[in-house]
Every structure is written in C-alpha cells, then in structure tokens.
Amino acid sequence: MSDVRITCITKPQNGTHEHITFVGNSTSNWKWSVADVVKSIDAKTNTFYVLDSKTGKRANVGVVKPANHAPYIRTYADGIWNDNLLSLPQCG
C-alpha cells in the first residue's frame, strides 16, 4: 500500500457547485480521476492525504457515500470532515 500526497485538483469549467473531477500531485506529475481514487481507497491499495498549507497538518482523504449520489472524496482531520481539497490549486 502506498501513502500518496495530493497537491492539486481539477474542477469542471462550468460547474454549478464545488465538484472535483480529478486529483493529482504536480511534483510527482500524476493525475487520477476521483472515481479511481475512490476505488483505490475502497480496495485499500492506497491511502491519500493533503497537507494544510497554513499549519502543515495532515488531513487524510476518505470516501463519502451519500444516498442517491456517486461516492466522492473528502478530507478528514481531527475527527472532522472538511474541505481541504477545495483549497488546493488547479492541476496544470
């Protein structure tokens, strides 16, 4: 199992709400779809995380599976689901 840091995100150009379609790491030069990250987390083949740019604290990425909606990813730190992913820059 690999522990993978996410440093950037991709959102649709004309979305009506905050919706992430891809995540990646600009230093390591990779980009995965959110669906592939969900599959990897569920299969326990990788763990994913982000580092808070202000505090340097780690926030793990987990899968949220709401009823009547496709699974999506969100960060989890200090026992709280939060939006650290949305604060990341766009992937190049």
PDB file of N, CA and C in Angstrom:
ATOM      1  N   MET A   1       0.851  -1.185   0.000  1.00  0.00           N
ATOM      2  CA  MET A   1       0.000   0.000   0.000  1.00  0.00           C
ATOM      3  C   MET A   1       0.888   1.237   0.000  1.00  0.00           C
ATOM      4  N   SER A   2       0.530   2.190  -0.825  1.00  0.00           N
ATOM      5  CA  SER A   2       1.271   3.453  -0.889  1.00  0.00           C
ATOM      6  C   SER A   2       0.493   4.554  -0.185  1.00  0.00           C
ATOM      7  N   ASP A   3       1.232   5.469   0.413  1.00  0.00           N
ATOM      8  CA  ASP A   3       0.665   6.651   1.044  1.00  0.00           C
ATOM      9  C   ASP A   3       0.942   7.812   0.099  1.00  0.00           C
ATOM     10  N   VAL A   4      -0.116   8.387  -0.485  1.00  0.00           N
ATOM     11  CA  VAL A   4       0.015   9.306  -1.615  1.00  0.00           C
ATOM     12  C   VAL A   4      -0.473  10.709  -1.242  1.00  0.00           C
ATOM     13  N   ARG A   5       0.378  11.702  -1.487  1.00  0.00           N
ATOM     14  CA  ARG A   5       0.000  13.090  -1.202  1.00  0.00           C
ATOM     15  C   ARG A   5      -0.653  13.725  -2.422  1.00  0.00           C
ATOM     16  N   ILE A   6      -1.796  14.351  -2.210  1.00  0.00           N
ATOM     17  CA  ILE A   6      -2.498  15.111  -3.243  1.00  0.00           C
ATOM     18  C   ILE A   6      -2.123  16.580  -3.077  1.00  0.00           C
ATOM     19  N   THR A   7      -1.696  17.220  -4.185  1.00  0.00           N
ATOM     20  CA  THR A   7      -1.299  18.633  -4.121  1.00  0.00           C
ATOM     21  C   THR A   7      -2.118  19.536  -5.022  1.00  0.00           C
ATOM     22  N   CYS A   8      -2.964  18.936  -5.904  1.00  0.00           N
ATOM     23  CA  CYS A   8      -3.751  19.767  -6.816  1.00  0.00           C
ATOM     24  C   CYS A   8      -5.051  19.045  -7.187  1.00  0.00           C
ATOM     25  N   ILE A   9      -6.005  19.818  -7.685  1.00  0.00           N
ATOM     26  CA  ILE A   9      -7.311  19.281  -8.079  1.00  0.00           C
ATOM     27  C   ILE A   9      -7.712  19.835  -9.440  1.00  0.00           C
ATOM     28  N   THR A  10      -8.690  19.172 -10.063  1.00  0.00           N
ATOM     29  CA  THR A  10      -9.294  19.683 -11.294  1.00  0.00           C
ATOM     30  C   THR A  10     -10.798  19.715 -11.083  1.00  0.00           C
ATOM     31  N   LYS A  11     -11.396  20.873 -11.382  1.00  0.00           N
ATOM     32  CA  LYS A  11     -12.845  21.039 -11.299  1.00  0.00           C
ATOM     33  C   LYS A  11     -13.361  21.367 -12.694  1.00  0.00           C
ATOM     34  N   PRO A  12     -14.620  21.014 -12.998  1.00  0.00           N
ATOM     35  CA  PRO A  12     -15.183  21.375 -14.309  1.00  0.00           C
ATOM     36  C   PRO A  12     -15.203  22.891 -14.479  1.00  0.00           C
ATOM     37  N   GLN A  13     -15.071  23.332 -15.707  1.00  0.00           N
ATOM     38  CA  GLN A  13     -15.051  24.767 -16.002  1.00  0.00           C
ATOM     39  C   GLN A  13     -16.377  25.455 -15.686  1.00  0.00           C
ATOM     40  N   ASN A  14     -17.491  24.746 -15.903  1.00  0.00           N
ATOM     41  CA  ASN A  14     -18.798  25.399 -15.769  1.00  0.00           C
ATOM     42  C   ASN A  14     -19.716  24.686 -14.780  1.00  0.00           C
ATOM     43  N   GLY A  15     -19.169  24.214 -13.679  1.00  0.00           N
ATOM     44  CA  GLY A  15     -19.991  23.542 -12.676  1.00  0.00           C
ATOM     45  C   GLY A  15     -20.786  24.534 -11.854  1.00  0.00           C
ATOM     46  N   THR A  16     -21.941  24.113 -11.364  1.00  0.00           N
ATOM     47  CA  THR A  16     -22.774  24.988 -10.547  1.00  0.00           C
ATOM     48  C   THR A  16     -22.432  24.887  -9.070  1.00  0.00           C
ATOM     49  N   HIS A  17     -21.638  23.877  -8.687  1.00  0.00           N
ATOM     50  CA  HIS A  17     -21.206  23.752  -7.300  1.00  0.00           C
ATOM     51  C   HIS A  17     -19.771  23.235  -7.282  1.00  0.00           C
ATOM     52  N   GLU A  18     -19.173  23.222  -6.109  1.00  0.00           N
ATOM     53  CA  GLU A  18     -17.804  22.764  -5.953  1.00  0.00           C
ATOM     54  C   GLU A  18     -17.742  21.262  -6.180  1.00  0.00           C
ATOM     55  N   HIS A  19     -17.204  20.846  -7.299  1.00  0.00           N
ATOM     56  CA  HIS A  19     -17.164  19.443  -7.683  1.00  0.00           C
ATOM     57  C   HIS A  19     -15.780  19.130  -8.237  1.00  0.00           C
ATOM     58  N   ILE A  20     -15.081  18.198  -7.620  1.00  0.00           N
ATOM     59  CA  ILE A  20     -13.744  17.820  -8.048  1.00  0.00           C
ATOM     60  C   ILE A  20     -13.851  16.603  -8.959  1.00  0.00           C
ATOM     61  N   THR A  21     -13.213  16.650 -10.118  1.00  0.00           N
ATOM     62  CA  THR A  21     -13.243  15.518 -11.049  1.00  0.00           C
ATOM     63  C   THR A  21     -11.941  14.719 -11.039  1.00  0.00           C
ATOM     64  N   PHE A  22     -10.805  15.405 -10.809  1.00  0.00           N
ATOM     65  CA  PHE A  22      -9.502  14.752 -10.761  1.00  0.00           C
ATOM     66  C   PHE A  22      -8.692  15.326  -9.610  1.00  0.00           C
ATOM     67  N   VAL A  23      -7.777  14.519  -9.086  1.00  0.00           N
ATOM     68  CA  VAL A  23      -6.794  14.986  -8.109  1.00  0.00           C
ATOM     69  C   VAL A  23      -5.419  14.549  -8.601  1.00  0.00           C
ATOM     70  N   GLY A  24      -4.384  15.226  -8.132  1.00  0.00           N
ATOM     71  CA  GLY A  24      -3.053  14.867  -8.592  1.00  0.00           C
ATOM     72  C   GLY A  24      -1.966  15.406  -7.689  1.00  0.00           C
ATOM     73  N   ASN A  25      -0.733  15.233  -8.160  1.00  0.00           N
ATOM     74  CA  ASN A  25       0.428  15.763  -7.467  1.00  0.00           C
ATOM     75  C   ASN A  25       1.319  16.377  -8.546  1.00  0.00           C
ATOM     76  N   SER A  26       1.447  17.696  -8.507  1.00  0.00           N
ATOM     77  CA  SER A  26       2.187  18.400  -9.554  1.00  0.00           C
ATOM     78  C   SER A  26       3.685  18.100  -9.504  1.00  0.00           C
ATOM     79  N   THR A  27       4.230  17.800  -8.336  1.00  0.00           N
ATOM     80  CA  THR A  27       5.647  17.472  -8.215  1.00  0.00           C
ATOM     81  C   THR A  27       5.940  16.087  -8.794  1.00  0.00           C
ATOM     82  N   SER A  28       5.077  15.123  -8.474  1.00  0.00           N
ATOM     83  CA  SER A  28       5.257  13.748  -8.959  1.00  0.00           C
ATOM     84  C   SER A  28       4.657  13.540 -10.348  1.00  0.00           C
ATOM     85  N   ASN A  29       3.955  14.551 -10.832  1.00  0.00           N
ATOM     86  CA  ASN A  29       3.394  14.553 -12.184  1.00  0.00           C
ATOM     87  C   ASN A  29       2.416  13.395 -12.444  1.00  0.00           C
ATOM     88  N   TRP A  30       1.396  13.282 -11.583  1.00  0.00           N
ATOM     89  CA  TRP A  30       0.340  12.293 -11.816  1.00  0.00           C
ATOM     90  C   TRP A  30      -1.015  12.947 -11.573  1.00  0.00           C
ATOM     91  N   LYS A  31      -2.041  12.367 -12.183  1.00  0.00           N
ATOM     92  CA  LYS A  31      -3.418  12.842 -12.010  1.00  0.00           C
ATOM     93  C   LYS A  31      -4.349  11.640 -12.150  1.00  0.00           C
ATOM     94  N   TRP A  32      -5.242  11.461 -11.178  1.00  0.00           N
ATOM     95  CA  TRP A  32      -6.219  10.371 -11.178  1.00  0.00           C
ATOM     96  C   TRP A  32      -7.622  10.936 -11.107  1.00  0.00           C
ATOM     97  N   SER A  33      -8.569  10.224 -11.696  1.00  0.00           N
ATOM     98  CA  SER A  33      -9.974  10.618 -11.552  1.00  0.00           C
ATOM     99  C   SER A  33     -10.416  10.332 -10.116  1.00  0.00           C
ATOM    100  N   VAL A  34     -11.408  11.059  -9.663  1.00  0.00           N
ATOM    101  CA  VAL A  34     -11.956  10.822  -8.325  1.00  0.00           C
ATOM    102  C   VAL A  34     -12.486   9.393  -8.220  1.00  0.00           C
ATOM    103  N   ALA A  35     -13.115   8.887  -9.294  1.00  0.00           N
ATOM    104  CA  ALA A  35     -13.633   7.511  -9.276  1.00  0.00           C
ATOM    105  C   ALA A  35     -12.506   6.502  -9.039  1.00  0.00           C
ATOM    106  N   ASP A  36     -11.336   6.720  -9.648  1.00  0.00           N
ATOM    107  CA  ASP A  36     -10.207   5.812  -9.440  1.00  0.00           C
ATOM    108  C   ASP A  36      -9.653   5.913  -8.020  1.00  0.00           C
ATOM    109  N   VAL A  37      -9.642   7.118  -7.458  1.00  0.00           N
ATOM    110  CA  VAL A  37      -9.192   7.290  -6.074  1.00  0.00           C
ATOM    111  C   VAL A  37     -10.157   6.578  -5.126  1.00  0.00           C
ATOM    112  N   VAL A  38     -11.462   6.714  -5.358  1.00  0.00           N
ATOM    113  CA  VAL A  38     -12.464   6.026  -4.538  1.00  0.00           C
ATOM    114  C   VAL A  38     -12.227   4.516  -4.583  1.00  0.00           C
ATOM    115  N   LYS A  39     -12.036   3.972  -5.790  1.00  0.00           N
ATOM    116  CA  LYS A  39     -11.786   2.524  -5.943  1.00  0.00           C
ATOM    117  C   LYS A  39     -10.531   2.102  -5.186  1.00  0.00           C
ATOM    118  N   SER A  40      -9.476   2.896  -5.278  1.00  0.00           N
ATOM    119  CA  SER A  40      -8.214   2.570  -4.624  1.00  0.00           C
ATOM    120  C   SER A  40      -8.344   2.600  -3.100  1.00  0.00           C
ATOM    121  N   ILE A  41      -9.052   3.599  -2.577  1.00  0.00           N
ATOM    122  CA  ILE A  41      -9.267   3.676  -1.127  1.00  0.00           C
ATOM    123  C   ILE A  41     -10.121   2.491  -0.664  1.00  0.00           C
ATOM    124  N   ASP A  42     -11.209   2.215  -1.380  1.00  0.00           N
ATOM    125  CA  ASP A  42     -12.089   1.106  -1.013  1.00  0.00           C
ATOM    126  C   ASP A  42     -11.360  -0.240  -1.062  1.00  0.00           C
ATOM    127  N   ALA A  43     -10.460  -0.408  -2.034  1.00  0.00           N
ATOM    128  CA  ALA A  43      -9.707  -1.659  -2.176  1.00  0.00           C
ATOM    129  C   ALA A  43      -8.499  -1.715  -1.230  1.00  0.00           C
ATOM    130  N   LYS A  44      -8.251  -0.603  -0.539  1.00  0.00           N
ATOM    131  CA  LYS A  44      -7.116  -0.488   0.383  1.00  0.00           C
ATOM    132  C   LYS A  44      -5.770  -0.690  -0.324  1.00  0.00           C
ATOM    133  N   THR A  45      -5.681  -0.235  -1.582  1.00  0.00           N
ATOM    134  CA  THR A  45      -4.416  -0.309  -2.306  1.00  0.00           C
ATOM    135  C   THR A  45      -3.568   0.943  -2.100  1.00  0.00           C
ATOM    136  N   ASN A  46      -4.213   2.067  -1.764  1.00  0.00           N
ATOM    137  CA  ASN A  46      -3.503   3.310  -1.466  1.00  0.00           C
ATOM    138  C   ASN A  46      -4.249   4.080  -0.387  1.00  0.00           C
ATOM    139  N   THR A  47      -3.501   4.916   0.328  1.00  0.00           N
ATOM    140  CA  THR A  47      -4.094   5.940   1.180  1.00  0.00           C
ATOM    141  C   THR A  47      -3.704   7.278   0.560  1.00  0.00           C
ATOM    142  N   PHE A  48      -4.552   8.272   0.736  1.00  0.00           N
ATOM    143  CA  PHE A  48      -4.310   9.593   0.166  1.00  0.00           C
ATOM    144  C   PHE A  48      -4.432  10.627   1.273  1.00  0.00           C
ATOM    145  N   TYR A  49      -3.702  11.733   1.125  1.00  0.00           N
ATOM    146  CA  TYR A  49      -3.743  12.796   2.128  1.00  0.00           C
ATOM    147  C   TYR A  49      -3.377  14.131   1.493  1.00  0.00           C
ATOM    148  N   VAL A  50      -3.684  15.207   2.213  1.00  0.00           N
ATOM    149  CA  VAL A  50      -3.233  16.549   1.857  1.00  0.00           C
ATOM    150  C   VAL A  50      -2.560  17.142   3.079  1.00  0.00           C
ATOM    151  N   LEU A  51      -1.722  18.143   2.857  1.00  0.00           N
ATOM    152  CA  LEU A  51      -1.115  18.892   3.953  1.00  0.00           C
ATOM    153  C   LEU A  51      -1.695  20.296   3.937  1.00  0.00           C
ATOM    154  N   ASP A  52      -2.152  20.757   5.090  1.00  0.00           N
ATOM    155  CA  ASP A  52      -2.696  22.108   5.208  1.00  0.00           C
ATOM    156  C   ASP A  52      -1.572  23.103   4.948  1.00  0.00           C
ATOM    157  N   SER A  53      -1.787  24.028   4.022  1.00  0.00           N
ATOM    158  CA  SER A  53      -0.732  24.975   3.635  1.00  0.00           C
ATOM    159  C   SER A  53      -0.366  25.937   4.762  1.00  0.00           C
ATOM    160  N   LYS A  54      -1.277  26.180   5.680  1.00  0.00           N
ATOM    161  CA  LYS A  54      -1.005  27.120   6.768  1.00  0.00           C
ATOM    162  C   LYS A  54      -0.372  26.439   7.978  1.00  0.00           C
ATOM    163  N   THR A  55      -0.865  25.257   8.329  1.00  0.00           N
ATOM    164  CA  THR A  55      -0.404  24.598   9.556  1.00  0.00           C
ATOM    165  C   THR A  55       0.565  23.448   9.300  1.00  0.00           C
ATOM    166  N   GLY A  56       0.570  22.922   8.080  1.00  0.00           N
ATOM    167  CA  GLY A  56       1.392  21.759   7.779  1.00  0.00           C
ATOM    168  C   GLY A  56       0.805  20.458   8.296  1.00  0.00           C
ATOM    169  N   LYS A  57      -0.404  20.520   8.861  1.00  0.00           N
ATOM    170  CA  LYS A  57      -1.045  19.325   9.400  1.00  0.00           C
ATOM    171  C   LYS A  57      -1.591  18.447   8.283  1.00  0.00           C
ATOM    172  N   ARG A  58      -1.530  17.154   8.525  1.00  0.00           N
ATOM    173  CA  ARG A  58      -2.023  16.163   7.570  1.00  0.00           C
ATOM    174  C   ARG A  58      -3.525  15.989   7.729  1.00  0.00           C
ATOM    175  N   ALA A  59      -4.203  15.871   6.587  1.00  0.00           N
ATOM    176  CA  ALA A  59      -5.632  15.533   6.567  1.00  0.00           C
ATOM    177  C   ALA A  59      -5.784  14.347   5.622  1.00  0.00           C
ATOM    178  N   ASN A  60      -6.258  13.231   6.141  1.00  0.00           N
ATOM    179  CA  ASN A  60      -6.452  12.039   5.328  1.00  0.00           C
ATOM    180  C   ASN A  60      -7.663  12.208   4.422  1.00  0.00           C
ATOM    181  N   VAL A  61      -7.623  11.554   3.273  1.00  0.00           N
ATOM    182  CA  VAL A  61      -8.725  11.593   2.322  1.00  0.00           C
ATOM    183  C   VAL A  61      -9.552  10.324   2.502  1.00  0.00           C
ATOM    184  N   GLY A  62     -10.862  10.501   2.642  1.00  0.00           N
ATOM    185  CA  GLY A  62     -11.770   9.380   2.792  1.00  0.00           C
ATOM    186  C   GLY A  62     -12.864   9.431   1.742  1.00  0.00           C
ATOM    187  N   VAL A  63     -13.645   8.377   1.705  1.00  0.00           N
ATOM    188  CA  VAL A  63     -14.738   8.267   0.739  1.00  0.00           C
ATOM    189  C   VAL A  63     -16.054   8.537   1.449  1.00  0.00           C
ATOM    190  N   VAL A  64     -16.873   9.396   0.855  1.00  0.00           N
ATOM    191  CA  VAL A  64     -18.217   9.684   1.343  1.00  0.00           C
ATOM    192  C   VAL A  64     -19.186   9.056   0.350  1.00  0.00           C
ATOM    193  N   LYS A  65     -20.142   8.298   0.880  1.00  0.00           N
ATOM    194  CA  LYS A  65     -21.099   7.593   0.016  1.00  0.00           C
ATOM    195  C   LYS A  65     -22.528   7.981   0.389  1.00  0.00           C
ATOM    196  N   PRO A  66     -22.988   9.148  -0.070  1.00  0.00           N
ATOM    197  CA  PRO A  66     -24.353   9.574   0.232  1.00  0.00           C
ATOM    198  C   PRO A  66     -25.378   8.767  -0.575  1.00  0.00           C
ATOM    199  N   ALA A  67     -26.576   8.679  -0.036  1.00  0.00           N
ATOM    200  CA  ALA A  67     -27.663   8.014  -0.769  1.00  0.00           C
ATOM    201  C   ALA A  67     -27.986   8.818  -2.023  1.00  0.00           C
ATOM    202  N   ASN A  68     -28.285   8.133  -3.112  1.00  0.00           N
ATOM    203  CA  ASN A  68     -28.680   8.754  -4.381  1.00  0.00           C
ATOM    204  C   ASN A  68     -27.629   9.694  -4.966  1.00  0.00           C
ATOM    205  N   HIS A  69     -26.356   9.412  -4.729  1.00  0.00           N
ATOM    206  CA  HIS A  69     -25.287  10.257  -5.254  1.00  0.00           C
ATOM    207  C   HIS A  69     -24.050   9.390  -5.427  1.00  0.00           C
ATOM    208  N   ALA A  70     -23.246   9.689  -6.425  1.00  0.00           N
ATOM    209  CA  ALA A  70     -21.996   8.948  -6.625  1.00  0.00           C
ATOM    210  C   ALA A  70     -21.048   9.207  -5.453  1.00  0.00           C
ATOM    211  N   PRO A  71     -20.260   8.212  -5.072  1.00  0.00           N
ATOM    212  CA  PRO A  71     -19.277   8.432  -3.996  1.00  0.00           C
ATOM    213  C   PRO A  71     -18.312   9.551  -4.384  1.00  0.00           C
ATOM    214  N   TYR A  72     -17.851  10.278  -3.388  1.00  0.00           N
ATOM    215  CA  TYR A  72     -16.863  11.320  -3.634  1.00  0.00           C
ATOM    216  C   TYR A  72     -15.839  11.303  -2.516  1.00  0.00           C
ATOM    217  N   ILE A  73     -14.782  12.084  -2.670  1.00  0.00           N
ATOM    218  CA  ILE A  73     -13.727  12.111  -1.665  1.00  0.00           C
ATOM    219  C   ILE A  73     -13.759  13.420  -0.894  1.00  0.00           C
ATOM    220  N   ARG A  74     -13.301  13.325   0.347  1.00  0.00           N
ATOM    221  CA  ARG A  74     -13.262  14.485   1.223  1.00  0.00           C
ATOM    222  C   ARG A  74     -12.161  14.253   2.250  1.00  0.00           C
ATOM    223  N   THR A  75     -11.598  15.314   2.769  1.00  0.00           N
ATOM    224  CA  THR A  75     -10.546  15.157   3.771  1.00  0.00           C
ATOM    225  C   THR A  75     -11.150  15.021   5.162  1.00  0.00           C
ATOM    226  N   TYR A  76     -10.385  14.361   6.017  1.00  0.00           N
ATOM    227  CA  TYR A  76     -10.809  14.069   7.379  1.00  0.00           C
ATOM    228  C   TYR A  76      -9.618  14.315   8.299  1.00  0.00           C
ATOM    229  N   ALA A  77      -9.761  15.274   9.201  1.00  0.00           N
ATOM    230  CA  ALA A  77      -8.679  15.583  10.134  1.00  0.00           C
ATOM    231  C   ALA A  77      -9.254  15.945  11.490  1.00  0.00           C
ATOM    232  N   ASP A  78      -8.607  15.500  12.525  1.00  0.00           N
ATOM    233  CA  ASP A  78      -9.021  15.796  13.899  1.00  0.00           C
ATOM    234  C   ASP A  78     -10.478  15.411  14.150  1.00  0.00           C
ATOM    235  N   GLY A  79     -10.919  14.309  13.530  1.00  0.00           N
ATOM    236  CA  GLY A  79     -12.276  13.816  13.754  1.00  0.00           C
ATOM    237  C   GLY A  79     -13.364  14.583  13.021  1.00  0.00           C
ATOM    238  N   ILE A  80     -12.972  15.444  12.073  1.00  0.00           N
ATOM    239  CA  ILE A  80     -13.959  16.287  11.378  1.00  0.00           C
ATOM    240  C   ILE A  80     -13.758  16.174   9.866  1.00  0.00           C
ATOM    241  N   TRP A  81     -14.862  15.977   9.122  1.00  0.00           N
ATOM    242  CA  TRP A  81     -14.808  16.052   7.660  1.00  0.00           C
ATOM    243  C   TRP A  81     -14.669  17.517   7.290  1.00  0.00           C
ATOM    244  N   ASN A  82     -13.762  17.839   6.369  1.00  0.00           N
ATOM    245  CA  ASN A  82     -13.585  19.239   5.984  1.00  0.00           C
ATOM    246  C   ASN A  82     -13.309  19.351   4.485  1.00  0.00           C
ATOM    247  N   ASP A  83     -13.046  20.564   4.040  1.00  0.00           N
ATOM    248  CA  ASP A  83     -12.912  20.839   2.607  1.00  0.00           C
ATOM    249  C   ASP A  83     -11.482  21.203   2.206  1.00  0.00           C
ATOM    250  N   ASN A  84     -10.482  20.577   2.797  1.00  0.00           N
ATOM    251  CA  ASN A  84      -9.092  20.889   2.462  1.00  0.00           C
ATOM    252  C   ASN A  84      -8.803  20.687   0.982  1.00  0.00           C
ATOM    253  N   LEU A  85      -9.444  19.745   0.336  1.00  0.00           N
ATOM    254  CA  LEU A  85      -9.211  19.500  -1.090  1.00  0.00           C
ATOM    255  C   LEU A  85      -9.563  20.725  -1.930  1.00  0.00           C
ATOM    256  N   LEU A  86     -10.664  21.387  -1.582  1.00  0.00           N
ATOM    257  CA  LEU A  86     -11.113  22.540  -2.373  1.00  0.00           C
ATOM    258  C   LEU A  86     -10.160  23.723  -2.288  1.00  0.00           C
ATOM    259  N   SER A  87      -9.297  23.749  -1.275  1.00  0.00           N
ATOM    260  CA  SER A  87      -8.350  24.857  -1.145  1.00  0.00           C
ATOM    261  C   SER A  87      -7.067  24.626  -1.946  1.00  0.00           C
ATOM    262  N   LEU A  88      -6.930  23.437  -2.549  1.00  0.00           N
ATOM    263  CA  LEU A  88      -5.743  23.146  -3.339  1.00  0.00           C
ATOM    264  C   LEU A  88      -5.800  23.857  -4.699  1.00  0.00           C
ATOM    265  N   PRO A  89      -4.637  24.139  -5.288  1.00  0.00           N
ATOM    266  CA  PRO A  89      -4.624  24.776  -6.608  1.00  0.00           C
ATOM    267  C   PRO A  89      -5.070  23.800  -7.705  1.00  0.00           C
ATOM    268  N   GLN A  90      -5.443  24.375  -8.859  1.00  0.00           N
ATOM    269  CA  GLN A  90      -5.798  23.575 -10.022  1.00  0.00           C
ATOM    270  C   GLN A  90      -4.554  22.854 -10.544  1.00  0.00           C
ATOM    271  N   CYS A  91      -4.727  21.609 -10.990  1.00  0.00           N
ATOM    272  CA  CYS A  91      -3.627  20.862 -11.611  1.00  0.00           C
ATOM    273  C   CYS A  91      -3.306  21.490 -12.963  1.00  0.00           C
ATOM    274  N   GLY A  92      -2.041  21.532 -13.294  1.00  0.00           N
ATOM    275  CA  GLY A  92      -1.603  22.133 -14.561  1.00  0.00           C
ATOM    276  C   GLY A  92      -1.801  21.213 -15.735  1.00  0.00           C
TER     277      GLY A  92
END
